[in-house]
Protein backbone atom coordinates (compact mmCIF):
# COMPACT_ATOMS: atom_id res chain seq x y z
CA UNK A 1 59.69 10.87 -5.43
CA UNK A 2 60.18 9.47 -8.90
CA UNK A 3 60.17 5.92 -9.22
CA UNK A 4 59.97 3.01 -11.80
CA UNK A 5 61.24 5.33 -14.52
CA UNK A 6 62.59 2.50 -16.61
CA UNK A 7 59.20 0.58 -16.67
CA UNK A 8 56.86 0.77 -19.71
CA UNK A 9 53.37 2.32 -18.94
CA UNK A 10 51.62 -1.17 -19.22
CA UNK A 11 54.02 -2.29 -16.41
CA UNK A 12 53.67 0.97 -14.41
CA UNK A 13 50.07 0.82 -14.09
CA UNK A 14 50.45 -2.53 -12.30
CA UNK A 15 53.48 -1.93 -10.14
CA UNK A 16 53.90 1.91 -9.50
CA UNK A 17 53.04 3.01 -5.95
CA UNK A 18 52.88 -0.60 -4.72
CA UNK A 19 55.50 -0.96 -1.87
CA UNK A 20 56.55 -3.55 0.47
CA UNK A 21 54.54 -3.91 3.81
CA UNK A 22 55.14 -5.74 6.92
CA UNK A 23 52.96 -8.84 5.91
CA UNK A 24 54.20 -8.92 2.32
CA UNK A 25 50.72 -8.41 1.00
CA UNK A 26 50.53 -8.15 -2.81
CA UNK A 27 47.86 -5.61 -2.61
CA UNK A 28 48.75 -2.65 -0.49
CA UNK A 29 46.36 -2.58 2.73
CA UNK A 30 43.93 0.12 3.34
CA UNK A 31 45.01 2.39 6.19
CA UNK A 32 41.53 3.28 7.42
CA UNK A 33 42.55 5.58 10.19
CA UNK A 34 42.25 9.33 10.90
CA UNK A 35 45.44 9.34 13.05
CA UNK A 36 48.82 7.66 13.80
CA UNK A 37 50.32 7.06 17.21
CA UNK A 38 53.84 8.07 17.99
CA UNK A 39 56.64 6.09 19.48
CA UNK A 40 57.50 8.91 21.82
CA UNK A 41 56.96 12.52 22.45
CA UNK A 42 60.26 13.16 20.72
CA UNK A 43 59.17 11.17 17.61
CA UNK A 44 55.98 13.22 17.45
CA UNK A 45 57.80 16.50 17.76
CA UNK A 46 60.34 15.59 15.00
CA UNK A 47 57.39 14.61 12.64
CA UNK A 48 55.72 17.94 13.20
CA UNK A 49 58.98 19.74 12.61
CA UNK A 50 59.49 17.93 9.43
CA UNK A 51 62.87 16.40 10.67
CA UNK A 52 61.66 13.00 10.34
CA UNK A 53 59.39 10.99 7.67
CA UNK A 54 56.18 9.49 8.86
CA UNK A 55 52.58 9.96 9.29
CA UNK A 56 50.57 12.11 11.73
CA UNK A 57 46.98 12.50 10.68
CA UNK A 58 45.41 11.33 7.47
CA UNK A 59 44.48 14.95 6.13
CA UNK A 60 48.38 15.52 6.04
CA UNK A 61 49.35 12.04 4.74
CA UNK A 62 48.34 8.37 4.68
CA UNK A 63 49.97 5.27 3.28
CA UNK A 64 47.14 4.16 0.98
CA UNK A 65 46.68 7.77 -0.37
CA UNK A 66 50.37 7.90 -0.91
CA UNK A 67 50.49 4.70 -3.05
CA UNK A 68 47.95 6.06 -5.26
CA UNK A 69 49.73 9.65 -5.59
CA UNK A 70 53.12 7.71 -6.40
CA UNK A 71 51.30 5.64 -9.00
CA UNK A 72 49.95 8.51 -11.08
CA UNK A 73 53.12 10.62 -10.49
CA UNK A 74 55.06 7.80 -12.12
CA UNK A 75 52.59 7.51 -14.99
CA UNK A 76 52.62 11.19 -15.74
CA UNK A 77 56.51 11.33 -15.50
CA UNK A 78 56.32 13.90 -12.63
CA UNK A 79 57.81 14.30 -9.14
CA UNK A 80 54.80 13.47 -7.01
CA UNK A 81 51.06 13.67 -6.82
CA UNK A 82 48.49 15.11 -4.40
CA UNK A 83 45.04 13.27 -4.17
CA UNK A 84 42.07 15.37 -3.78
CA UNK A 85 38.49 14.77 -2.87
CA UNK A 86 37.35 15.82 -6.22
CA UNK A 87 38.48 17.17 -9.59
CA UNK A 88 37.24 20.47 -8.52
CA UNK A 89 39.21 20.20 -5.28
CA UNK A 90 42.24 19.71 -7.39
CA UNK A 91 41.75 22.64 -9.67
CA UNK A 92 40.71 24.98 -6.81
CA UNK A 93 43.97 23.95 -4.84
CA UNK A 94 46.09 24.58 -8.00
CA UNK A 95 44.64 28.08 -8.46
CA UNK A 96 44.93 28.70 -4.64
CA UNK A 97 48.78 27.95 -5.09
CA UNK A 98 49.48 29.83 -8.29
CA UNK A 99 47.26 32.86 -8.11
CA UNK A 100 46.83 35.72 -5.86
CA UNK A 101 44.65 39.12 -6.04
CA UNK A 102 45.76 41.15 -8.84
CA UNK A 103 46.88 38.11 -11.15
CA UNK A 104 45.17 37.33 -14.61
CA UNK A 105 44.30 33.74 -15.59
CA UNK A 106 43.61 32.63 -19.08
CA UNK A 107 41.39 29.52 -19.19
CA UNK A 108 40.18 27.50 -22.02
CA UNK A 109 36.50 28.06 -23.02
CA UNK A 110 35.76 24.41 -23.65
CA UNK A 111 36.16 23.01 -20.17
CA UNK A 112 34.28 21.21 -17.60
CA UNK A 113 31.14 23.35 -16.89
CA UNK A 114 31.92 23.95 -12.99
CA UNK A 115 35.55 24.86 -13.80
CA UNK A 116 34.30 27.74 -16.16
CA UNK A 117 31.94 28.72 -13.14
CA UNK A 118 34.78 28.66 -10.77
CA UNK A 119 36.96 31.08 -12.82
CA UNK A 120 34.21 33.42 -13.89
CA UNK A 121 32.14 33.76 -10.73
CA UNK A 122 34.28 32.78 -7.68
CA UNK A 123 37.94 33.72 -8.44
CA UNK A 124 37.08 37.48 -9.32
CA UNK A 125 35.70 37.71 -5.81
CA UNK A 126 39.36 37.23 -4.58
CA UNK A 127 40.67 40.09 -7.04
CA UNK A 128 41.71 37.42 -9.78
CA UNK A 129 41.03 38.44 -13.27
CA UNK A 130 40.00 35.93 -15.81
CA UNK A 131 39.65 35.54 -19.45
CA UNK A 132 37.89 32.48 -20.94
CA UNK A 133 39.00 31.85 -24.59
CA UNK A 134 39.86 29.50 -27.31
CA UNK A 135 43.29 28.31 -26.23
CA UNK A 136 43.65 26.53 -29.52
CA UNK A 137 44.00 29.84 -31.14
CA UNK A 138 47.61 30.61 -30.21
CA UNK A 139 47.71 34.13 -31.93
CA UNK A 140 44.45 34.91 -29.81
CA UNK A 141 46.30 33.67 -26.73
CA UNK A 142 49.28 35.76 -27.21
CA UNK A 143 47.20 38.84 -27.89
CA UNK A 144 45.33 37.95 -24.51
CA UNK A 145 48.42 37.82 -22.35
CA UNK A 146 48.97 40.61 -20.01
CA UNK A 147 51.97 41.52 -17.74
CA UNK A 148 50.04 40.08 -14.85
CA UNK A 149 49.08 36.84 -16.49
CA UNK A 150 50.33 34.13 -14.22
CA UNK A 151 48.33 30.96 -15.40
CA UNK A 152 47.12 29.44 -18.74
CA UNK A 153 44.73 26.69 -17.79
CA UNK A 154 43.93 24.28 -20.63
CA UNK A 155 41.71 21.27 -21.05
CA UNK A 156 42.94 19.33 -24.24
CA UNK A 157 40.88 17.71 -25.73
CA UNK A 158 38.29 20.24 -24.34
CA UNK A 159 35.05 19.40 -22.69
CA UNK A 160 32.61 18.86 -24.41
CA UNK A 161 33.77 19.93 -27.99
CA UNK A 162 37.12 18.05 -28.11
CA UNK A 163 38.90 21.07 -29.32
CA UNK A 164 42.67 20.45 -29.10
CA UNK A 165 45.27 23.02 -28.00
CA UNK A 166 48.96 22.71 -29.08
CA UNK A 167 50.73 22.18 -25.63
CA UNK A 168 54.15 22.75 -26.86
CA UNK A 169 53.32 26.04 -28.60
CA UNK A 170 51.21 27.25 -25.70
CA UNK A 171 53.97 26.35 -23.15
CA UNK A 172 56.65 28.23 -25.26
CA UNK A 173 54.54 31.41 -25.25
CA UNK A 174 53.61 31.19 -21.78
CA UNK A 175 57.06 30.65 -20.29
CA UNK A 176 58.50 33.34 -22.53
CA UNK A 177 56.17 35.76 -20.99
CA UNK A 178 56.44 34.69 -17.34
CA UNK A 179 53.28 32.52 -17.12
CA UNK A 180 52.77 28.88 -15.98
CA UNK A 181 50.64 26.19 -17.80
CA UNK A 182 48.25 23.89 -15.99
CA UNK A 183 46.70 21.17 -18.14
CA UNK A 184 43.81 19.01 -17.25
CA UNK A 185 44.68 15.53 -18.55
CA UNK A 186 41.55 13.75 -17.61
CA UNK A 187 40.18 12.90 -21.25
CA UNK A 188 43.51 11.20 -22.35
CA UNK A 189 45.12 10.06 -19.13
CA UNK A 190 48.95 9.69 -19.11
CA UNK A 191 48.43 6.52 -21.32
CA UNK A 192 47.64 8.60 -24.38
CA UNK A 193 49.08 12.11 -23.39
CA UNK A 194 51.94 13.21 -21.03
CA UNK A 195 51.76 16.95 -20.86
CA UNK A 196 55.05 17.34 -19.11
CA UNK A 197 56.83 16.21 -22.34
CA UNK A 198 55.60 19.34 -23.85
CA UNK A 199 56.65 21.90 -21.19
CA UNK A 200 53.51 21.97 -19.10
CA UNK A 201 54.04 23.05 -15.19
CA UNK A 202 51.14 21.16 -13.50
CA UNK A 203 48.82 18.48 -14.52
CA UNK A 204 45.43 17.84 -13.12
CA UNK A 205 42.90 14.91 -13.26
CA UNK A 206 39.52 14.03 -12.27
CA UNK A 207 40.21 10.57 -10.79
CA UNK A 208 36.38 10.04 -11.20
CA UNK A 209 36.77 9.27 -14.84
CA UNK A 210 39.31 7.04 -16.78
CA UNK A 211 41.94 6.76 -14.12
CA UNK A 212 39.43 4.88 -11.77
CA UNK A 213 37.41 3.61 -14.64
CA UNK A 214 34.49 2.10 -12.70
CA UNK A 215 32.09 4.84 -11.88
CA UNK A 216 32.27 4.24 -8.14
CA UNK A 217 34.58 6.95 -6.83
CA UNK A 218 34.83 10.87 -6.90
CA UNK A 219 38.38 12.28 -6.68
CA UNK A 220 40.92 14.32 -8.20
CA UNK A 221 44.80 14.61 -8.25
CA UNK A 222 47.39 17.23 -9.00
CA UNK A 223 50.94 16.15 -10.42
CA UNK A 224 53.69 18.41 -9.88
CA UNK A 225 57.45 18.45 -11.18
CA UNK A 226 59.82 19.06 -8.34
CA UNK A 227 60.27 19.17 -4.54
CA UNK A 228 59.86 22.61 -3.98
CA UNK A 229 56.64 22.75 -5.87
CA UNK A 230 55.31 19.78 -4.10
CA UNK A 231 56.03 21.38 -0.60
CA UNK A 232 53.99 24.40 -1.56
CA UNK A 233 51.16 22.43 -2.81
CA UNK A 234 51.12 19.99 -0.03
CA UNK A 235 50.88 22.78 2.45
CA UNK A 236 47.95 24.54 0.71
CA UNK A 237 46.07 21.26 0.25
CA UNK A 238 46.52 20.42 3.87
CA UNK A 239 45.15 23.78 4.92
CA UNK A 240 42.11 23.82 2.39
CA UNK A 241 41.53 20.32 3.52
CA UNK A 242 40.26 18.86 0.14
CA UNK A 243 41.86 15.58 0.47
CA UNK A 244 40.95 12.20 -0.71
CA UNK A 245 40.10 9.28 1.76
CA UNK A 246 41.97 6.02 2.04
CA UNK A 247 39.12 3.81 0.77
CA UNK A 248 38.68 5.84 -2.37
CA UNK A 249 42.36 5.90 -2.87
CA UNK A 250 42.45 2.17 -2.63
CA UNK A 251 39.71 1.85 -5.25
CA UNK A 252 41.30 4.15 -7.69
CA UNK A 253 44.69 2.50 -7.30
CA UNK A 254 43.14 -0.73 -8.05
CA UNK A 255 41.31 0.64 -11.12
CA UNK A 256 44.65 2.09 -12.44
CA UNK A 257 45.97 -1.46 -12.74
CA UNK A 258 43.77 -2.10 -15.87
CA UNK A 259 44.16 1.36 -17.22
CA UNK A 260 46.36 0.59 -20.24
CA UNK A 261 43.96 -2.13 -21.35
CA UNK A 262 40.99 -0.26 -20.78
CA UNK A 263 42.33 2.83 -22.82
CA UNK A 264 43.15 0.52 -25.56
CA UNK A 265 39.61 -0.87 -25.67
CA UNK A 266 38.19 2.62 -25.34
CA UNK A 267 40.08 3.79 -28.48
CA UNK A 268 39.26 0.56 -30.43
CA UNK A 269 35.57 1.04 -29.79
CA UNK A 270 35.22 4.74 -30.27
CA UNK A 271 36.80 4.80 -33.82
CA UNK A 272 34.04 2.76 -35.58
CA UNK A 273 31.36 4.61 -33.42
CA UNK A 274 32.75 8.05 -34.66
CA UNK A 275 32.69 6.67 -38.22
CA UNK A 276 29.16 5.60 -37.87
CA UNK A 277 28.03 8.88 -36.62
CA UNK A 278 29.78 10.75 -39.50
CA UNK A 279 27.83 8.83 -42.13
CA UNK A 280 24.50 9.46 -40.34
CA UNK A 281 21.98 11.78 -42.02
CA UNK A 282 20.74 13.02 -38.59
CA UNK A 283 24.31 14.16 -37.58
CA UNK A 284 25.51 17.55 -38.71
CA UNK A 285 29.18 17.13 -37.45
CA UNK A 286 31.50 14.87 -35.47
CA UNK A 287 34.39 15.75 -33.20
CA UNK A 288 36.83 12.81 -32.65
CA UNK A 289 40.64 13.17 -32.57
CA UNK A 290 40.85 9.95 -34.46
CA UNK A 291 39.01 11.29 -37.57
CA UNK A 292 40.82 13.29 -40.22
CA UNK A 293 38.01 15.63 -40.10
CA UNK A 294 38.92 16.93 -36.78
CA UNK A 295 40.15 20.54 -37.13
CA UNK A 296 43.53 19.92 -34.96
CA UNK A 297 43.96 16.31 -36.30
CA UNK A 298 47.74 16.84 -36.96
CA UNK A 299 48.19 18.26 -33.29
CA UNK A 300 46.48 15.47 -31.92
CA UNK A 301 48.76 13.05 -33.85
CA UNK A 302 51.76 15.10 -32.48
CA UNK A 303 51.02 15.13 -28.90
CA UNK A 304 48.73 12.16 -28.35
CA UNK A 305 49.35 8.41 -28.85
CA UNK A 306 45.81 7.46 -29.45
CA UNK A 307 42.22 9.20 -29.89
CA UNK A 308 40.59 8.29 -26.63
CA UNK A 309 37.11 7.37 -25.98
CA UNK A 310 35.11 10.48 -26.09
CA UNK A 311 33.04 11.79 -29.18
CA UNK A 312 31.21 14.91 -29.63
CA UNK A 313 28.68 15.20 -32.27
CA UNK A 314 25.89 17.73 -33.25
CA UNK A 315 22.32 16.73 -34.14
CA UNK A 316 20.53 18.65 -37.02
CA UNK A 317 17.54 19.07 -34.83
CA UNK A 318 19.19 21.06 -32.13
CA UNK A 319 17.98 20.91 -28.55
CA UNK A 320 14.67 19.18 -29.29
CA UNK A 321 16.55 16.47 -31.23
CA UNK A 322 19.09 16.16 -28.35
CA UNK A 323 16.37 15.47 -25.82
CA UNK A 324 14.40 12.99 -28.02
CA UNK A 325 17.50 10.93 -28.81
CA UNK A 326 18.45 11.04 -24.93
CA UNK A 327 14.93 9.76 -24.04
CA UNK A 328 15.29 6.92 -26.69
CA UNK A 329 18.47 5.50 -25.49
CA UNK A 330 18.34 1.96 -24.16
CA UNK A 331 21.71 0.33 -23.97
CA UNK A 332 23.96 3.29 -23.30
CA UNK A 333 23.56 4.92 -19.91
CA UNK A 334 21.97 8.30 -19.92
CA UNK A 335 24.31 9.78 -17.36
CA UNK A 336 26.88 12.55 -16.89
CA UNK A 337 30.55 11.83 -16.09
CA UNK A 338 32.63 9.56 -18.45
CA UNK A 339 35.54 7.25 -18.53
CA UNK A 340 33.98 4.15 -16.95
CA UNK A 341 33.94 0.84 -18.47
CA UNK A 342 30.25 1.41 -19.35
CA UNK A 343 29.22 3.63 -22.29
CA UNK A 344 27.59 6.88 -21.20
CA UNK A 345 25.78 9.56 -23.22
CA UNK A 346 24.51 12.98 -22.24
CA UNK A 347 23.40 16.22 -23.79
CA UNK A 348 25.73 19.08 -22.39
CA UNK A 349 23.64 22.06 -23.15
CA UNK A 350 21.07 21.02 -20.92
CA UNK A 351 23.13 18.93 -18.42
CA UNK A 352 26.88 19.42 -17.51
CA UNK A 353 27.30 22.79 -19.12
CA UNK A 354 23.91 24.27 -18.42
CA UNK A 355 25.31 26.34 -15.56
CA UNK A 356 27.68 28.13 -18.04
CA UNK A 357 24.82 30.11 -19.59
CA UNK A 358 23.79 30.48 -23.17
CA UNK A 359 26.36 33.08 -23.99
CA UNK A 360 29.27 31.15 -22.49
CA UNK A 361 28.10 27.98 -24.42
CA UNK A 362 27.91 29.85 -27.70
CA UNK A 363 31.52 31.39 -27.17
CA UNK A 364 32.62 27.83 -26.46
CA UNK A 365 30.82 26.30 -29.55
CA UNK A 366 28.67 24.20 -27.59
CA UNK A 367 25.64 24.17 -29.78
CA UNK A 368 22.19 23.12 -28.66
CA UNK A 369 22.38 19.88 -30.58
CA UNK A 370 25.63 18.85 -29.08
CA UNK A 371 25.64 15.38 -27.73
CA UNK A 372 28.70 13.86 -25.95
CA UNK A 373 29.33 10.04 -25.70
CA UNK A 374 31.91 8.27 -23.59
CA UNK A 375 32.50 4.98 -25.40
CA UNK A 376 32.87 1.98 -23.02
CA UNK A 377 34.52 -1.31 -23.40
CA UNK A 378 31.35 -3.30 -24.31
CA UNK A 379 30.85 -4.98 -27.75
CA UNK A 380 30.89 -2.04 -30.17
CA UNK A 381 27.93 -3.63 -32.13
CA UNK A 382 25.75 -3.19 -29.07
CA UNK A 383 26.74 0.55 -28.83
CA UNK A 384 26.19 1.29 -32.50
CA UNK A 385 22.79 -0.54 -32.55
CA UNK A 386 21.53 1.62 -29.70
CA UNK A 387 22.73 4.71 -31.13
CA UNK A 388 21.17 3.89 -34.51
CA UNK A 389 17.62 3.41 -32.86
CA UNK A 390 18.02 6.41 -30.64
CA UNK A 391 19.00 8.56 -33.67
CA UNK A 392 15.88 7.25 -35.73
CA UNK A 393 13.77 8.35 -32.69
CA UNK A 394 15.45 11.77 -32.87
CA UNK A 395 13.94 12.37 -36.19
CA UNK A 396 16.02 11.21 -39.08
CA UNK A 397 17.08 7.74 -40.10
CA UNK A 398 20.58 6.86 -41.39
CA UNK A 399 21.37 6.98 -45.09
CA UNK A 400 24.39 4.84 -44.66
CA UNK A 401 25.21 2.43 -41.72
CA UNK A 402 28.74 1.26 -41.37
CA UNK A 403 29.06 -1.44 -38.86
CA UNK A 404 32.11 -3.32 -37.79
CA UNK A 405 32.54 -6.63 -39.06
């Protein structure tokens, strides 16, 4: 299913997954239907037997959904995509394909909170052993590997601490010891990071975030590398049923057309915001891949073509300062999620990662004062002005303020 391999990413976002239709519509139509009619009983039998290509039932395949799947697969350099009803549906389906009772999973400790909950509380009920750990520590990962380790699951940069794992090194280790590597590429998107280039076996995304970019869809996607892998994943997704609907697929495919432009603006805005925060007296630390102070700055430069639009920082006043700052926000949106055109800010210890529990947050270095900001595409002066007044309300004024010209 690979296509458009000769196009640059800026062209792929516009053209990939857009195919000729009977009326030559520039924008692919929405096939808002649950089922498709057959020309004859023989054709229906051939479709069910896999002897002919075509559509039967939208849970099993839909032209609008397929256009989106082809688009993202082309951007990632993969064979095919499988659109899912949410990011968690994509992750759960991936584990259902790659793991079975008796297997062992290694998972990054800095991941989306529900992912951590899934691997620590639900997968063990099905006989799957899970170790949650810092996957940026390659020596520790190697020590944790077991003969029954089948999957290493990584978010890089990790949510919400922005810790970065070396994809090339982890893949070399995993493949040498017989395990597969799955990467959640939501924070970077294929515009800034292509995990398959470094040996990754499966890529997943939350479509809800940067790929859609407009905070009006919940969805996820899995991207695989070959036909055999696709057949296995498709069968499992069809049986589990966590598929994406046609209308949501249309919206995400529409959003992807501006992905390259949006990611450029997210990066351009996030850099001065991170520099402002790093100079502020109320801020204890800042994690942003574009800052030389980031512990994995050189790894980021190797495997990413830009720093992205997410910043994590720690307030000196801890959880109380975090709450005060959130309550003082005026311009930025106080909301979970990320990757939209609007700037969003939230306090992970009391919001997205509260379900992990205090011990799991401590292990993942999610401090009580940690704040995550998804920098949008607005004028960066307005973003910084709001952060400045909110930080003042949190307890300490800036000693130095560096605003962009």
